[in-house]
Amino acid sequence: MLKVCSFLPAVTQMIYDMGLQDHLYGVTFECPEQALTEKTKVVRCVLEGKNYSSREIDDIFSASKRQGKSLYYVDEPLLASIAPDIIFTQDVCEVCQIDTATTARAVAKLAKEPKLIPISPESLTDVFQTAITIARALGKEEEAFTYLAKLRQRVDVVIDTLRKERALPKRVSLIEWIEPLYNCGHWIPHQIAYAGGIDMLANPSGDSIVTSWDKVIKYNPEVVVIAPCGFGIKRTVEEMHLLQQKEGWKNLKAVQENAVFIADFDLFTQPSAATLVDGIELLAGLFHPEIFGIPKHLLTKYEKLVTQQAV
């Protein structure tokens, strides 16, 4: 049986989703909880266990990038003991996860050099395709097609319902980082579109970028979703004051209409196909509550921020 290491949580999640976890031996410290209890952690980060603010995290990663350093590292003795045949890595974001170049330097020292397969989606379609890439590498391509067929069916239900109800798209802003403020990019604008929204500040199939608060004020979204990369709800709540103290916050249409939501990052910035479909279903319920209910398994994945008290 092929031995696999997954150096990004999204791939680990999809391996489990497709029932291929018997092949998985090594993971990263940020992988899903089940994997952390069952598999060996071979990728670590110097910031692991620290509680820096958004600004501090951004400053640390920016400095490391300027210096040509990575904050992630491989536990080389552990990796050597596993002797994997395949390592899945990524090049979408060197801030979020270890990249292929850092991985390549580590595996070059191994007695048996594994095959490196970069998983670097840019669009939602790409994310779905990565499931096939993963399963094909393990000789289990059929599992990917079965997995994706069910997910596409769920997305089709949302699209068909929006069409049937003749729902107009909501003007949305999904914030991917608070300080500095980043818009959303890559596959997230596609999730928003499938859910019946449009984010004119987003960068579809491209990197998220620093966005001025003035742009947000001028855009004046009807719905704001805040899901900083790597942050759960509780962690994001700790930094909401950074947004709430900005000039003009209280005048935003979303704030005036109690349509500000905090969501767990893994529904958006962790590109596993199933979690992104969960994200679409959640967004549909947030954008169009008169049409969609929030699925029960997602009720703990978001929190409504009360911005206006009922009179």
C-alpha atoms as a PDB file:
ATOM      1  CA  MET A   1       0.000   0.000   0.000  1.00  0.00           C
ATOM      2  CA  LEU A   2       1.231   3.474  -0.879  1.00  0.00           C
ATOM      3  CA  LYS A   3       2.298   5.612   2.070  1.00  0.00           C
ATOM      4  CA  VAL A   4       1.195   9.242   1.916  1.00  0.00           C
ATOM      5  CA  CYS A   5       1.944  12.426   3.843  1.00  0.00           C
ATOM      6  CA  SER A   6      -0.364  15.413   3.555  1.00  0.00           C
ATOM      7  CA  PHE A   7       1.247  18.772   4.166  1.00  0.00           C
ATOM      8  CA  LEU A   8      -1.993  20.753   3.974  1.00  0.00           C
ATOM      9  CA  PRO A   9      -5.208  20.340   5.983  1.00  0.00           C
ATOM     10  CA  ALA A  10      -7.526  20.517   2.969  1.00  0.00           C
ATOM     11  CA  VAL A  11      -5.927  17.457   1.386  1.00  0.00           C
ATOM     12  CA  THR A  12      -6.043  15.622   4.706  1.00  0.00           C
ATOM     13  CA  GLN A  13      -9.764  16.403   4.968  1.00  0.00           C
ATOM     14  CA  MET A  14     -10.454  15.133   1.448  1.00  0.00           C
ATOM     15  CA  ILE A  15      -8.455  11.955   2.050  1.00  0.00           C
ATOM     16  CA  TYR A  16     -10.694  11.234   5.037  1.00  0.00           C
ATOM     17  CA  ASP A  17     -13.840  12.283   3.163  1.00  0.00           C
ATOM     18  CA  MET A  18     -13.059   9.772   0.428  1.00  0.00           C
ATOM     19  CA  GLY A  19     -12.236   6.991   2.917  1.00  0.00           C
ATOM     20  CA  LEU A  20      -8.575   6.808   1.893  1.00  0.00           C
ATOM     21  CA  GLN A  21      -7.039   7.518   5.302  1.00  0.00           C
ATOM     22  CA  ASP A  22      -5.381   4.095   5.550  1.00  0.00           C
ATOM     23  CA  HIS A  23      -2.809   5.477   3.102  1.00  0.00           C
ATOM     24  CA  LEU A  24      -2.144   8.531   5.289  1.00  0.00           C
ATOM     25  CA  TYR A  25       0.805   8.437   7.696  1.00  0.00           C
ATOM     26  CA  GLY A  26       2.011  12.025   8.208  1.00  0.00           C
ATOM     27  CA  VAL A  27       0.144  15.344   8.562  1.00  0.00           C
ATOM     28  CA  THR A  28       0.644  18.943   9.674  1.00  0.00           C
ATOM     29  CA  PHE A  29      -0.084  20.431  13.084  1.00  0.00           C
ATOM     30  CA  GLU A  30      -3.103  22.265  11.604  1.00  0.00           C
ATOM     31  CA  CYS A  31      -4.844  19.244  10.111  1.00  0.00           C
ATOM     32  CA  PRO A  32      -8.369  18.182  11.172  1.00  0.00           C
ATOM     33  CA  GLU A  33      -8.688  16.874  14.711  1.00  0.00           C
ATOM     34  CA  GLN A  34      -9.308  13.254  13.734  1.00  0.00           C
ATOM     35  CA  ALA A  35      -6.086  13.180  11.730  1.00  0.00           C
ATOM     36  CA  LEU A  36      -4.129  14.711  14.620  1.00  0.00           C
ATOM     37  CA  THR A  37      -5.258  11.920  16.936  1.00  0.00           C
ATOM     38  CA  GLU A  38      -4.494   9.132  14.456  1.00  0.00           C
ATOM     39  CA  LYS A  39      -1.530  10.264  12.364  1.00  0.00           C
ATOM     40  CA  THR A  40       2.004  11.565  12.947  1.00  0.00           C
ATOM     41  CA  LYS A  41       2.572  15.346  12.947  1.00  0.00           C
ATOM     42  CA  VAL A  42       5.579  15.955  10.721  1.00  0.00           C
ATOM     43  CA  VAL A  43       5.047  19.628   9.789  1.00  0.00           C
ATOM     44  CA  ARG A  44       5.288  22.268  12.505  1.00  0.00           C
ATOM     45  CA  CYS A  45       5.397  26.072  12.718  1.00  0.00           C
ATOM     46  CA  VAL A  46       7.448  28.378  14.932  1.00  0.00           C
ATOM     47  CA  LEU A  47       4.231  30.260  15.773  1.00  0.00           C
ATOM     48  CA  GLU A  48       2.470  27.098  16.923  1.00  0.00           C
ATOM     49  CA  GLY A  49       0.729  27.630  20.261  1.00  0.00           C
ATOM     50  CA  LYS A  50       1.300  31.400  20.223  1.00  0.00           C
ATOM     51  CA  ASN A  51      -1.543  33.921  20.467  1.00  0.00           C
ATOM     52  CA  TYR A  52      -0.471  36.847  18.318  1.00  0.00           C
ATOM     53  CA  SER A  53      -2.859  39.517  17.039  1.00  0.00           C
ATOM     54  CA  SER A  54      -3.805  39.780  13.362  1.00  0.00           C
ATOM     55  CA  ARG A  55      -1.366  42.666  12.907  1.00  0.00           C
ATOM     56  CA  GLU A  56       1.463  40.814  14.658  1.00  0.00           C
ATOM     57  CA  ILE A  57       0.888  37.676  12.567  1.00  0.00           C
ATOM     58  CA  ASP A  58       0.893  39.703   9.363  1.00  0.00           C
ATOM     59  CA  ASP A  59       4.082  41.529  10.387  1.00  0.00           C
ATOM     60  CA  ILE A  60       5.885  38.285  11.304  1.00  0.00           C
ATOM     61  CA  PHE A  61       4.999  36.558   8.038  1.00  0.00           C
ATOM     62  CA  SER A  62       5.832  39.651   5.973  1.00  0.00           C
ATOM     63  CA  ALA A  63       9.253  39.879   7.645  1.00  0.00           C
ATOM     64  CA  SER A  64       9.989  36.183   7.074  1.00  0.00           C
ATOM     65  CA  LYS A  65       9.019  36.529   3.410  1.00  0.00           C
ATOM     66  CA  ARG A  66      11.353  39.509   2.936  1.00  0.00           C
ATOM     67  CA  GLN A  67      14.161  37.485   4.510  1.00  0.00           C
ATOM     68  CA  GLY A  68      13.431  34.473   2.322  1.00  0.00           C
ATOM     69  CA  LYS A  69      12.672  32.311   5.340  1.00  0.00           C
ATOM     70  CA  SER A  70       9.801  29.941   6.099  1.00  0.00           C
ATOM     71  CA  LEU A  71       8.098  29.796   9.483  1.00  0.00           C
ATOM     72  CA  TYR A  72       7.198  26.165   8.796  1.00  0.00           C
ATOM     73  CA  TYR A  73       9.552  23.240   9.150  1.00  0.00           C
ATOM     74  CA  VAL A  74       9.556  19.476   8.689  1.00  0.00           C
ATOM     75  CA  ASP A  75      10.450  17.059  11.484  1.00  0.00           C
ATOM     76  CA  GLU A  76      12.959  15.267   9.300  1.00  0.00           C
ATOM     77  CA  PRO A  77      13.614  12.216  11.548  1.00  0.00           C
ATOM     78  CA  LEU A  78       9.865  11.537  11.730  1.00  0.00           C
ATOM     79  CA  LEU A  79       9.508  11.932   7.986  1.00  0.00           C
ATOM     80  CA  ALA A  80      12.430   9.566   7.415  1.00  0.00           C
ATOM     81  CA  SER A  81      10.825   6.971   9.697  1.00  0.00           C
ATOM     82  CA  ILE A  82       7.622   7.099   7.638  1.00  0.00           C
ATOM     83  CA  ALA A  83       9.476   6.907   4.295  1.00  0.00           C
ATOM     84  CA  PRO A  84       6.448   8.097   2.295  1.00  0.00           C
ATOM     85  CA  ASP A  85       5.896   7.337  -1.357  1.00  0.00           C
ATOM     86  CA  ILE A  86       3.898  10.527  -1.953  1.00  0.00           C
ATOM     87  CA  ILE A  87       3.754  13.937  -0.264  1.00  0.00           C
ATOM     88  CA  PHE A  88       0.949  16.354  -1.086  1.00  0.00           C
ATOM     89  CA  THR A  89       2.054  19.967  -0.753  1.00  0.00           C
ATOM     90  CA  GLN A  90       0.884  23.384  -1.967  1.00  0.00           C
ATOM     91  CA  ASP A  91       1.908  26.720  -3.474  1.00  0.00           C
ATOM     92  CA  VAL A  92      -1.304  28.743  -3.041  1.00  0.00           C
ATOM     93  CA  CYS A  93      -0.168  30.570   0.080  1.00  0.00           C
ATOM     94  CA  GLU A  94       3.201  30.353   1.821  1.00  0.00           C
ATOM     95  CA  VAL A  95       1.704  32.227   4.763  1.00  0.00           C
ATOM     96  CA  CYS A  96      -0.985  29.629   5.485  1.00  0.00           C
ATOM     97  CA  GLN A  97       0.941  26.385   4.961  1.00  0.00           C
ATOM     98  CA  ILE A  98       4.363  24.981   4.204  1.00  0.00           C
ATOM     99  CA  ASP A  99       5.203  25.373   0.501  1.00  0.00           C
ATOM    100  CA  THR A 100       6.661  22.975  -2.059  1.00  0.00           C
ATOM    101  CA  ALA A 101      10.146  24.535  -2.025  1.00  0.00           C
ATOM    102  CA  THR A 102      10.518  24.084   1.747  1.00  0.00           C
ATOM    103  CA  THR A 103       9.230  20.521   1.447  1.00  0.00           C
ATOM    104  CA  ALA A 104      11.629  19.745  -1.395  1.00  0.00           C
ATOM    105  CA  ARG A 105      14.620  20.788   0.715  1.00  0.00           C
ATOM    106  CA  ALA A 106      13.537  18.397   3.473  1.00  0.00           C
ATOM    107  CA  VAL A 107      12.848  15.381   1.252  1.00  0.00           C
ATOM    108  CA  ALA A 108      16.143  15.775  -0.619  1.00  0.00           C
ATOM    109  CA  LYS A 109      17.835  14.375   2.496  1.00  0.00           C
ATOM    110  CA  LEU A 110      15.738  11.205   2.570  1.00  0.00           C
ATOM    111  CA  ALA A 111      17.149   7.838   1.543  1.00  0.00           C
ATOM    112  CA  LYS A 112      14.061   7.268  -0.606  1.00  0.00           C
ATOM    113  CA  GLU A 113      12.856  10.452  -2.249  1.00  0.00           C
ATOM    114  CA  PRO A 114       9.036  10.598  -2.427  1.00  0.00           C
ATOM    115  CA  LYS A 115       6.975  12.032  -5.236  1.00  0.00           C
ATOM    116  CA  LEU A 116       5.820  15.585  -4.490  1.00  0.00           C
ATOM    117  CA  ILE A 117       2.350  16.475  -5.751  1.00  0.00           C
ATOM    118  CA  PRO A 118       1.518  20.186  -5.386  1.00  0.00           C
ATOM    119  CA  ILE A 119      -2.159  20.926  -4.781  1.00  0.00           C
ATOM    120  CA  SER A 120      -2.633  24.589  -5.676  1.00  0.00           C
ATOM    121  CA  PRO A 121      -6.222  25.375  -6.688  1.00  0.00           C
ATOM    122  CA  GLU A 122      -7.247  28.864  -7.714  1.00  0.00           C
ATOM    123  CA  SER A 123     -10.962  28.405  -8.402  1.00  0.00           C
ATOM    124  CA  LEU A 124     -13.775  26.300  -6.975  1.00  0.00           C
ATOM    125  CA  THR A 125     -13.569  24.094 -10.066  1.00  0.00           C
ATOM    126  CA  ASP A 126      -9.878  23.583  -9.323  1.00  0.00           C
ATOM    127  CA  VAL A 127     -10.685  22.495  -5.764  1.00  0.00           C
ATOM    128  CA  PHE A 128     -13.061  19.843  -7.067  1.00  0.00           C
ATOM    129  CA  GLN A 129     -10.407  18.690  -9.527  1.00  0.00           C
ATOM    130  CA  THR A 130      -7.863  18.286  -6.709  1.00  0.00           C
ATOM    131  CA  ALA A 131     -10.030  15.544  -5.212  1.00  0.00           C
ATOM    132  CA  ILE A 132      -9.549  13.587  -8.443  1.00  0.00           C
ATOM    133  CA  THR A 133      -5.799  14.305  -8.410  1.00  0.00           C
ATOM    134  CA  ILE A 134      -5.511  12.968  -4.848  1.00  0.00           C
ATOM    135  CA  ALA A 135      -7.564   9.839  -5.453  1.00  0.00           C
ATOM    136  CA  ARG A 136      -5.871   9.112  -8.788  1.00  0.00           C
ATOM    137  CA  ALA A 137      -2.431   9.274  -7.152  1.00  0.00           C
ATOM    138  CA  LEU A 138      -3.606   6.540  -4.769  1.00  0.00           C
ATOM    139  CA  GLY A 139      -5.147   4.437  -7.515  1.00  0.00           C
ATOM    140  CA  LYS A 140      -8.653   5.149  -6.204  1.00  0.00           C
ATOM    141  CA  GLU A 141     -10.088   7.498  -8.827  1.00  0.00           C
ATOM    142  CA  GLU A 142     -13.649   6.156  -8.544  1.00  0.00           C
ATOM    143  CA  GLU A 143     -13.870   7.295  -4.930  1.00  0.00           C
ATOM    144  CA  ALA A 144     -13.325  10.886  -6.055  1.00  0.00           C
ATOM    145  CA  PHE A 145     -16.098  10.741  -8.651  1.00  0.00           C
ATOM    146  CA  THR A 146     -18.555   9.371  -6.084  1.00  0.00           C
ATOM    147  CA  TYR A 147     -17.515  12.013  -3.562  1.00  0.00           C
ATOM    148  CA  LEU A 148     -17.815  14.895  -6.029  1.00  0.00           C
ATOM    149  CA  ALA A 149     -21.145  13.764  -7.479  1.00  0.00           C
ATOM    150  CA  LYS A 150     -22.771  14.133  -4.049  1.00  0.00           C
ATOM    151  CA  LEU A 151     -21.219  17.558  -3.526  1.00  0.00           C
ATOM    152  CA  ARG A 152     -22.271  18.844  -6.946  1.00  0.00           C
ATOM    153  CA  GLN A 153     -25.810  17.676  -6.234  1.00  0.00           C
ATOM    154  CA  ARG A 154     -25.861  19.813  -3.069  1.00  0.00           C
ATOM    155  CA  VAL A 155     -24.619  22.871  -4.962  1.00  0.00           C
ATOM    156  CA  ASP A 156     -27.228  22.299  -7.679  1.00  0.00           C
ATOM    157  CA  VAL A 157     -29.990  22.338  -5.055  1.00  0.00           C
ATOM    158  CA  VAL A 158     -28.880  25.816  -3.942  1.00  0.00           C
ATOM    159  CA  ILE A 159     -28.626  27.124  -7.503  1.00  0.00           C
ATOM    160  CA  ASP A 160     -31.977  25.670  -8.560  1.00  0.00           C
ATOM    161  CA  THR A 161     -33.713  27.058  -5.478  1.00  0.00           C
ATOM    162  CA  LEU A 162     -32.344  30.547  -6.097  1.00  0.00           C
ATOM    163  CA  ARG A 163     -33.526  30.371  -9.700  1.00  0.00           C
ATOM    164  CA  LYS A 164     -36.948  29.085  -8.751  1.00  0.00           C
ATOM    165  CA  GLU A 165     -37.388  31.865  -6.186  1.00  0.00           C
ATOM    166  CA  ARG A 166     -36.010  34.483  -8.594  1.00  0.00           C
ATOM    167  CA  ALA A 167     -33.721  35.688  -5.835  1.00  0.00           C
ATOM    168  CA  LEU A 168     -31.714  38.816  -6.529  1.00  0.00           C
ATOM    169  CA  PRO A 169     -28.007  38.577  -5.579  1.00  0.00           C
ATOM    170  CA  LYS A 170     -27.030  40.267  -2.321  1.00  0.00           C
ATOM    171  CA  ARG A 171     -24.181  42.787  -2.225  1.00  0.00           C
ATOM    172  CA  VAL A 172     -21.658  41.040   0.013  1.00  0.00           C
ATOM    173  CA  SER A 173     -18.237  41.574   1.544  1.00  0.00           C
ATOM    174  CA  LEU A 174     -16.384  38.555   2.913  1.00  0.00           C
ATOM    175  CA  ILE A 175     -13.365  39.634   4.933  1.00  0.00           C
ATOM    176  CA  GLU A 176     -10.441  37.201   4.954  1.00  0.00           C
ATOM    177  CA  TRP A 177      -8.218  39.101   7.431  1.00  0.00           C
ATOM    178  CA  ILE A 178      -8.947  41.951   9.829  1.00  0.00           C
ATOM    179  CA  GLU A 179      -5.708  43.876  10.414  1.00  0.00           C
ATOM    180  CA  PRO A 180      -4.689  44.763   7.806  1.00  0.00           C
ATOM    181  CA  LEU A 181      -7.993  44.294   6.028  1.00  0.00           C
ATOM    182  CA  TYR A 182      -7.912  41.677   3.255  1.00  0.00           C
ATOM    183  CA  ASN A 183     -10.692  41.004   0.765  1.00  0.00           C
ATOM    184  CA  CYS A 184     -11.420  37.435  -0.324  1.00  0.00           C
ATOM    185  CA  GLY A 185      -9.861  35.698  -3.297  1.00  0.00           C
ATOM    186  CA  HIS A 186      -9.383  32.380  -5.084  1.00  0.00           C
ATOM    187  CA  TRP A 187     -12.502  30.171  -4.790  1.00  0.00           C
ATOM    188  CA  ILE A 188     -14.377  32.227  -2.157  1.00  0.00           C
ATOM    189  CA  PRO A 189     -15.978  34.654  -4.662  1.00  0.00           C
ATOM    190  CA  HIS A 190     -17.303  31.576  -6.493  1.00  0.00           C
ATOM    191  CA  GLN A 191     -18.804  30.255  -3.248  1.00  0.00           C
ATOM    192  CA  ILE A 192     -20.479  33.629  -2.749  1.00  0.00           C
ATOM    193  CA  ALA A 193     -21.890  33.585  -6.288  1.00  0.00           C
ATOM    194  CA  TYR A 194     -23.310  30.074  -5.948  1.00  0.00           C
ATOM    195  CA  ALA A 195     -24.940  31.141  -2.680  1.00  0.00           C
ATOM    196  CA  GLY A 196     -26.732  34.070  -4.303  1.00  0.00           C
ATOM    197  CA  GLY A 197     -24.359  36.931  -3.601  1.00  0.00           C
ATOM    198  CA  ILE A 198     -21.766  39.093  -5.282  1.00  0.00           C
ATOM    199  CA  ASP A 199     -18.614  40.530  -3.746  1.00  0.00           C
ATOM    200  CA  MET A 200     -17.350  43.392  -5.889  1.00  0.00           C
ATOM    201  CA  LEU A 201     -14.274  43.836  -3.672  1.00  0.00           C
ATOM    202  CA  ALA A 202     -13.170  40.229  -4.188  1.00  0.00           C
ATOM    203  CA  ASN A 203     -10.504  38.830  -6.499  1.00  0.00           C
ATOM    204  CA  PRO A 204     -11.920  35.659  -8.106  1.00  0.00           C
ATOM    205  CA  SER A 205      -9.300  32.969  -8.837  1.00  0.00           C
ATOM    206  CA  GLY A 206      -6.575  35.276  -7.526  1.00  0.00           C
ATOM    207  CA  ASP A 207      -4.866  36.212  -4.289  1.00  0.00           C
ATOM    208  CA  SER A 208      -6.674  38.084  -1.572  1.00  0.00           C
ATOM    209  CA  ILE A 209      -5.118  41.545  -1.194  1.00  0.00           C
ATOM    210  CA  VAL A 210      -5.021  44.376   1.314  1.00  0.00           C
ATOM    211  CA  THR A 211      -8.120  46.517   0.806  1.00  0.00           C
ATOM    212  CA  SER A 212      -8.691  50.014   2.110  1.00  0.00           C
ATOM    213  CA  TRP A 213     -11.522  50.646   4.555  1.00  0.00           C
ATOM    214  CA  ASP A 214     -12.582  53.531   2.350  1.00  0.00           C
ATOM    215  CA  LYS A 215     -13.419  51.038  -0.418  1.00  0.00           C
ATOM    216  CA  VAL A 216     -15.625  49.063   1.957  1.00  0.00           C
ATOM    217  CA  ILE A 217     -17.449  52.236   3.006  1.00  0.00           C
ATOM    218  CA  LYS A 218     -18.075  53.246  -0.617  1.00  0.00           C
ATOM    219  CA  TYR A 219     -19.171  49.724  -1.558  1.00  0.00           C
ATOM    220  CA  ASN A 220     -21.544  49.599   1.450  1.00  0.00           C
ATOM    221  CA  PRO A 221     -22.315  45.850   1.489  1.00  0.00           C
ATOM    222  CA  GLU A 222     -25.730  44.505   2.444  1.00  0.00           C
ATOM    223  CA  VAL A 223     -24.129  41.508   4.158  1.00  0.00           C
ATOM    224  CA  VAL A 224     -20.708  41.251   5.819  1.00  0.00           C
ATOM    225  CA  VAL A 225     -19.125  37.882   6.600  1.00  0.00           C
ATOM    226  CA  ILE A 226     -15.925  37.870   8.635  1.00  0.00           C
ATOM    227  CA  ALA A 227     -13.849  34.667   8.411  1.00  0.00           C
ATOM    228  CA  PRO A 228     -10.142  35.369   8.937  1.00  0.00           C
ATOM    229  CA  CYS A 229      -7.840  32.632   7.662  1.00  0.00           C
ATOM    230  CA  GLY A 230      -7.005  30.203  10.459  1.00  0.00           C
ATOM    231  CA  PHE A 231      -9.426  31.768  12.965  1.00  0.00           C
ATOM    232  CA  GLY A 232     -12.427  30.138  14.590  1.00  0.00           C
ATOM    233  CA  ILE A 233     -15.381  32.207  15.793  1.00  0.00           C
ATOM    234  CA  LYS A 234     -14.033  32.790  19.304  1.00  0.00           C
ATOM    235  CA  ARG A 235     -10.663  34.006  18.009  1.00  0.00           C
ATOM    236  CA  THR A 236     -12.315  36.394  15.558  1.00  0.00           C
ATOM    237  CA  VAL A 237     -14.624  37.832  18.226  1.00  0.00           C
ATOM    238  CA  GLU A 238     -11.515  38.897  20.161  1.00  0.00           C
ATOM    239  CA  GLU A 239     -10.571  41.211  17.295  1.00  0.00           C
ATOM    240  CA  MET A 240     -13.959  42.531  16.234  1.00  0.00           C
ATOM    241  CA  HIS A 241     -13.234  45.816  18.015  1.00  0.00           C
ATOM    242  CA  LEU A 242     -10.703  46.551  15.268  1.00  0.00           C
ATOM    243  CA  LEU A 243     -13.566  46.730  12.773  1.00  0.00           C
ATOM    244  CA  GLN A 244     -16.180  48.212  15.074  1.00  0.00           C
ATOM    245  CA  GLN A 245     -14.009  51.194  15.950  1.00  0.00           C
ATOM    246  CA  LYS A 246     -13.441  52.143  12.312  1.00  0.00           C
ATOM    247  CA  GLU A 247     -15.025  55.355  11.122  1.00  0.00           C
ATOM    248  CA  GLY A 248     -18.266  54.668   9.283  1.00  0.00           C
ATOM    249  CA  TRP A 249     -18.728  51.109  10.606  1.00  0.00           C
ATOM    250  CA  LYS A 250     -22.080  51.913  12.182  1.00  0.00           C
ATOM    251  CA  ASN A 251     -23.333  53.415   8.934  1.00  0.00           C
ATOM    252  CA  LEU A 252     -22.767  50.322   6.796  1.00  0.00           C
ATOM    253  CA  LYS A 253     -25.999  48.869   5.438  1.00  0.00           C
ATOM    254  CA  ALA A 254     -25.062  45.419   6.797  1.00  0.00           C
ATOM    255  CA  VAL A 255     -24.548  46.868  10.266  1.00  0.00           C
ATOM    256  CA  GLN A 256     -27.773  48.866  10.118  1.00  0.00           C
ATOM    257  CA  GLU A 257     -29.712  45.745   9.140  1.00  0.00           C
ATOM    258  CA  ASN A 258     -28.071  43.266  11.544  1.00  0.00           C
ATOM    259  CA  ALA A 259     -26.506  41.336   8.673  1.00  0.00           C
ATOM    260  CA  VAL A 260     -22.959  40.926  10.006  1.00  0.00           C
ATOM    261  CA  PHE A 261     -21.789  37.350  10.590  1.00  0.00           C
ATOM    262  CA  ILE A 262     -18.641  35.708  11.951  1.00  0.00           C
ATOM    263  CA  ALA A 263     -17.823  32.277  10.521  1.00  0.00           C
ATOM    264  CA  ASP A 264     -15.196  29.587  11.023  1.00  0.00           C
ATOM    265  CA  PHE A 265     -12.361  29.863   8.531  1.00  0.00           C
ATOM    266  CA  ASP A 266     -12.466  26.229   7.403  1.00  0.00           C
ATOM    267  CA  LEU A 267     -15.678  26.794   5.440  1.00  0.00           C
ATOM    268  CA  PHE A 268     -13.819  29.230   3.184  1.00  0.00           C
ATOM    269  CA  THR A 269     -10.022  29.384   3.378  1.00  0.00           C
ATOM    270  CA  GLN A 270      -9.488  25.618   3.798  1.00  0.00           C
ATOM    271  CA  PRO A 271     -10.027  24.366   0.241  1.00  0.00           C
ATOM    272  CA  SER A 272     -11.388  20.877   0.752  1.00  0.00           C
ATOM    273  CA  ALA A 273     -14.332  20.279  -1.539  1.00  0.00           C
ATOM    274  CA  ALA A 274     -16.836  19.277   1.170  1.00  0.00           C
ATOM    275  CA  THR A 275     -16.035  22.150   3.549  1.00  0.00           C
ATOM    276  CA  LEU A 276     -16.413  24.658   0.715  1.00  0.00           C
ATOM    277  CA  VAL A 277     -19.814  23.201  -0.175  1.00  0.00           C
ATOM    278  CA  ASP A 278     -20.723  23.557   3.510  1.00  0.00           C
ATOM    279  CA  GLY A 279     -19.658  27.183   3.124  1.00  0.00           C
ATOM    280  CA  ILE A 280     -21.948  27.670   0.131  1.00  0.00           C
ATOM    281  CA  GLU A 281     -24.917  26.263   2.047  1.00  0.00           C
ATOM    282  CA  LEU A 282     -24.174  28.473   5.051  1.00  0.00           C
ATOM    283  CA  LEU A 283     -23.810  31.586   2.895  1.00  0.00           C
ATOM    284  CA  ALA A 284     -27.081  30.840   1.114  1.00  0.00           C
ATOM    285  CA  GLY A 285     -28.820  30.806   4.492  1.00  0.00           C
ATOM    286  CA  LEU A 286     -27.140  34.052   5.557  1.00  0.00           C
ATOM    287  CA  PHE A 287     -27.818  35.872   2.287  1.00  0.00           C
ATOM    288  CA  HIS A 288     -31.375  34.616   1.750  1.00  0.00           C
ATOM    289  CA  PRO A 289     -32.868  33.544   5.114  1.00  0.00           C
ATOM    290  CA  GLU A 290     -36.353  33.838   3.642  1.00  0.00           C
ATOM    291  CA  ILE A 291     -35.481  30.967   1.283  1.00  0.00           C
ATOM    292  CA  PHE A 292     -32.880  28.807   3.024  1.00  0.00           C
ATOM    293  CA  GLY A 293     -32.495  27.468   6.531  1.00  0.00           C
ATOM    294  CA  ILE A 294     -29.053  26.873   8.027  1.00  0.00           C
ATOM    295  CA  PRO A 295     -28.217  23.141   7.929  1.00  0.00           C
ATOM    296  CA  LYS A 296     -28.098  21.685  11.452  1.00  0.00           C
ATOM    297  CA  HIS A 297     -24.464  20.605  11.185  1.00  0.00           C
ATOM    298  CA  LEU A 298     -23.479  24.213  10.445  1.00  0.00           C
ATOM    299  CA  LEU A 299     -25.312  25.939  13.293  1.00  0.00           C
ATOM    300  CA  THR A 300     -22.145  26.041  15.398  1.00  0.00           C
ATOM    301  CA  LYS A 301     -19.999  27.268  12.506  1.00  0.00           C
ATOM    302  CA  TYR A 302     -21.198  30.864  12.521  1.00  0.00           C
ATOM    303  CA  GLU A 303     -22.409  33.593  14.839  1.00  0.00           C
ATOM    304  CA  LYS A 304     -24.570  36.589  14.107  1.00  0.00           C
ATOM    305  CA  LEU A 305     -23.133  39.837  15.417  1.00  0.00           C
ATOM    306  CA  VAL A 306     -25.896  41.911  16.990  1.00  0.00           C
ATOM    307  CA  THR A 307     -25.246  45.383  15.658  1.00  0.00           C
ATOM    308  CA  GLN A 308     -28.622  47.070  16.173  1.00  0.00           C
ATOM    309  CA  GLN A 309     -30.959  46.582  19.106  1.00  0.00           C
ATOM    310  CA  ALA A 310     -34.618  46.020  18.251  1.00  0.00           C
ATOM    311  CA  VAL A 311     -36.829  48.959  19.126  1.00  0.00           C
END
